[in-house]
Amino acid sequence: MNTEKVKEITDTFTTHIFCTDTHYSLLEEWWRKQKKTPPAPEMLSDTGIVVCDEIPLAMGFMYFSNSGLGQLGFVCANPEIGPRRKLTALLFLIETGMKVFAQSKGIKYVHTYSDEPGLTKAYVANGFNLLSQHDVLIQKIGGINGH
């Protein structure tokens, strides 16, 4: 897609701060439609961004540490939109939303993960280096047997 066309499309995009009350049910629906387990609300940072045009298109969350490394996580896109629109929305989310947000917090490096070829393509198109392909593991801490 040429850059003029991308600019024309992304000029219609807006970003919103993720609000659990407003957006979580949508995030949950998108993850379930992709046959994935959605993250629990308490796993989401307060630095989530939702990209929209007439409808919500993509969302993701930045996580910060006490170093120059941030993490971009739980990125997902509306499963009802076409692949070109999805890629453009993800590119916009990563570049305009997350990179600008990370830079404003002094983050010099952003770590992320992906098990979807389309999302990986969007990351690589935005300058991310594919370091390895591996499993991502998570465990809930506390309770009996992690429950």
Protein backbone atom coordinates (compact mmCIF):
# COMPACT_ATOMS: atom_id res chain seq x y z
CA MET A 1 0.00 0.00 0.00
CA ASN A 2 1.49 3.36 -0.94
CA THR A 3 2.18 5.97 1.72
CA GLU A 4 -0.34 8.47 0.33
CA LYS A 5 -3.11 5.87 0.58
CA VAL A 6 -2.02 4.94 4.13
CA LYS A 7 -2.07 8.62 5.15
CA GLU A 8 -5.53 9.04 3.62
CA ILE A 9 -6.81 6.05 5.60
CA THR A 10 -5.07 6.87 8.88
CA ASP A 11 -6.25 10.50 8.75
CA THR A 12 -9.68 9.11 9.68
CA PHE A 13 -8.29 7.23 12.72
CA THR A 14 -8.65 8.48 16.26
CA THR A 15 -7.13 7.14 19.47
CA HIS A 16 -8.80 6.79 22.83
CA ILE A 17 -7.47 5.78 26.22
CA PHE A 18 -8.68 2.27 27.06
CA CYS A 19 -11.42 2.31 29.72
CA THR A 20 -12.24 -1.05 31.31
CA ASP A 21 -15.93 -0.18 31.73
CA THR A 22 -16.26 0.84 28.09
CA HIS A 23 -13.79 -1.33 26.20
CA TYR A 24 -13.10 -4.55 28.14
CA SER A 25 -16.13 -6.46 26.83
CA LEU A 26 -14.99 -5.65 23.28
CA LEU A 27 -11.42 -6.79 23.99
CA GLU A 28 -12.79 -10.00 25.49
CA GLU A 29 -15.02 -10.59 22.45
CA TRP A 30 -12.13 -10.07 20.01
CA TRP A 31 -9.88 -12.49 21.88
CA ARG A 32 -12.59 -15.16 22.14
CA LYS A 33 -13.42 -14.87 18.41
CA GLN A 34 -9.75 -15.66 17.76
CA LYS A 35 -10.06 -18.70 20.06
CA LYS A 36 -7.75 -17.19 22.67
CA THR A 37 -8.14 -16.59 26.38
CA PRO A 38 -8.46 -12.85 27.00
CA PRO A 39 -6.30 -11.20 29.65
CA ALA A 40 -8.03 -10.57 32.98
CA PRO A 41 -8.92 -6.90 33.54
CA GLU A 42 -6.39 -6.61 36.39
CA MET A 43 -3.61 -7.61 33.95
CA LEU A 44 -4.19 -4.55 31.78
CA SER A 45 -2.21 -1.38 32.36
CA ASP A 46 -3.81 2.03 32.57
CA THR A 47 -1.90 2.98 29.44
CA GLY A 48 -4.09 1.20 26.92
CA ILE A 49 -4.95 2.76 23.58
CA VAL A 50 -7.90 2.02 21.30
CA VAL A 51 -7.70 2.96 17.60
CA CYS A 52 -11.02 3.75 15.91
CA ASP A 53 -12.50 5.11 12.75
CA GLU A 54 -16.28 4.60 12.58
CA ILE A 55 -15.74 1.55 14.83
CA PRO A 56 -13.00 0.29 17.16
CA LEU A 57 -10.22 -1.31 15.07
CA ALA A 58 -7.32 -2.24 17.36
CA MET A 59 -6.07 -1.89 20.92
CA GLY A 60 -2.93 -2.47 22.94
CA PHE A 61 -1.25 -1.66 26.24
CA MET A 62 2.12 -0.18 27.23
CA TYR A 63 3.84 -1.37 30.38
CA PHE A 64 6.66 0.61 31.97
CA SER A 65 9.47 -0.37 34.32
CA ASN A 66 12.18 1.46 36.20
CA SER A 67 14.50 1.06 33.21
CA GLY A 68 14.57 2.27 29.61
CA LEU A 69 12.60 -0.82 28.56
CA GLY A 70 8.85 -0.87 28.08
CA GLN A 71 6.59 -3.65 26.93
CA LEU A 72 3.79 -3.49 24.40
CA GLY A 73 1.29 -6.17 25.27
CA PHE A 74 -2.12 -7.65 24.65
CA VAL A 75 -2.34 -6.09 21.19
CA CYS A 76 -5.39 -7.22 19.26
CA ALA A 77 -7.45 -6.12 16.30
CA ASN A 78 -11.11 -6.34 15.42
CA PRO A 79 -11.56 -9.81 13.85
CA GLU A 80 -14.47 -8.54 11.73
CA ILE A 81 -12.38 -6.18 9.59
CA GLY A 82 -10.40 -7.12 6.48
CA PRO A 83 -6.67 -7.89 6.55
CA ARG A 84 -5.56 -4.63 4.89
CA ARG A 85 -7.63 -2.46 7.24
CA LYS A 86 -6.44 -4.53 10.19
CA LEU A 87 -2.77 -4.13 9.22
CA THR A 88 -3.20 -0.38 8.74
CA ALA A 89 -4.90 -0.05 12.14
CA LEU A 90 -2.14 -2.09 13.82
CA LEU A 91 0.56 0.00 12.13
CA PHE A 92 -1.18 3.15 13.35
CA LEU A 93 -1.55 1.75 16.88
CA ILE A 94 2.12 0.80 17.07
CA GLU A 95 3.57 3.93 15.46
CA THR A 96 1.28 6.75 16.50
CA GLY A 97 -0.07 5.37 19.72
CA MET A 98 2.48 3.22 21.41
CA LYS A 99 5.81 4.59 20.17
CA VAL A 100 4.82 8.19 20.88
CA PHE A 101 3.46 7.20 24.30
CA ALA A 102 6.63 5.24 25.12
CA GLN A 103 8.88 8.13 24.05
CA SER A 104 6.92 10.54 26.23
CA LYS A 105 7.76 8.31 29.21
CA GLY A 106 11.48 8.16 28.38
CA ILE A 107 11.38 4.58 27.08
CA LYS A 108 14.21 3.80 24.66
CA TYR A 109 13.38 0.15 23.91
CA VAL A 110 10.06 -1.62 23.52
CA HIS A 111 9.70 -5.37 23.91
CA THR A 112 6.67 -7.19 22.56
CA TYR A 113 5.48 -10.61 21.48
CA SER A 114 3.27 -12.07 18.78
CA ASP A 115 2.00 -15.44 17.68
CA GLU A 116 0.11 -14.04 14.70
CA PRO A 117 1.85 -13.51 11.33
CA GLY A 118 -0.16 -10.33 10.57
CA LEU A 119 0.74 -8.73 13.88
CA THR A 120 4.38 -9.76 13.52
CA LYS A 121 4.33 -8.14 10.05
CA ALA A 122 3.04 -4.90 11.59
CA TYR A 123 5.77 -4.95 14.24
CA VAL A 124 8.54 -5.59 11.71
CA ALA A 125 7.13 -2.83 9.45
CA ASN A 126 7.50 -0.48 12.45
CA GLY A 127 11.16 -1.30 13.02
CA PHE A 128 10.90 -4.15 15.53
CA ASN A 129 13.53 -6.88 15.19
CA LEU A 130 12.34 -10.48 15.36
CA LEU A 131 14.66 -11.97 17.97
CA SER A 132 13.13 -15.40 18.40
CA GLN A 133 9.93 -17.32 18.24
CA HIS A 134 9.05 -18.78 21.60
CA ASP A 135 6.24 -19.61 23.96
CA VAL A 136 4.98 -16.91 26.29
CA LEU A 137 4.11 -18.22 29.72
CA ILE A 138 2.20 -16.57 32.52
CA GLN A 139 1.22 -17.61 36.02
CA LYS A 140 -1.19 -16.05 38.48
CA ILE A 141 0.52 -15.54 41.83
CA GLY A 142 -1.38 -16.12 45.07
CA GLY A 143 -4.28 -18.26 46.16
CA ILE A 144 -4.26 -22.02 46.30
CA ASN A 145 -2.38 -23.60 43.39
CA GLY A 146 -2.34 -20.25 41.61
CA HIS A 147 -6.16 -19.87 41.67
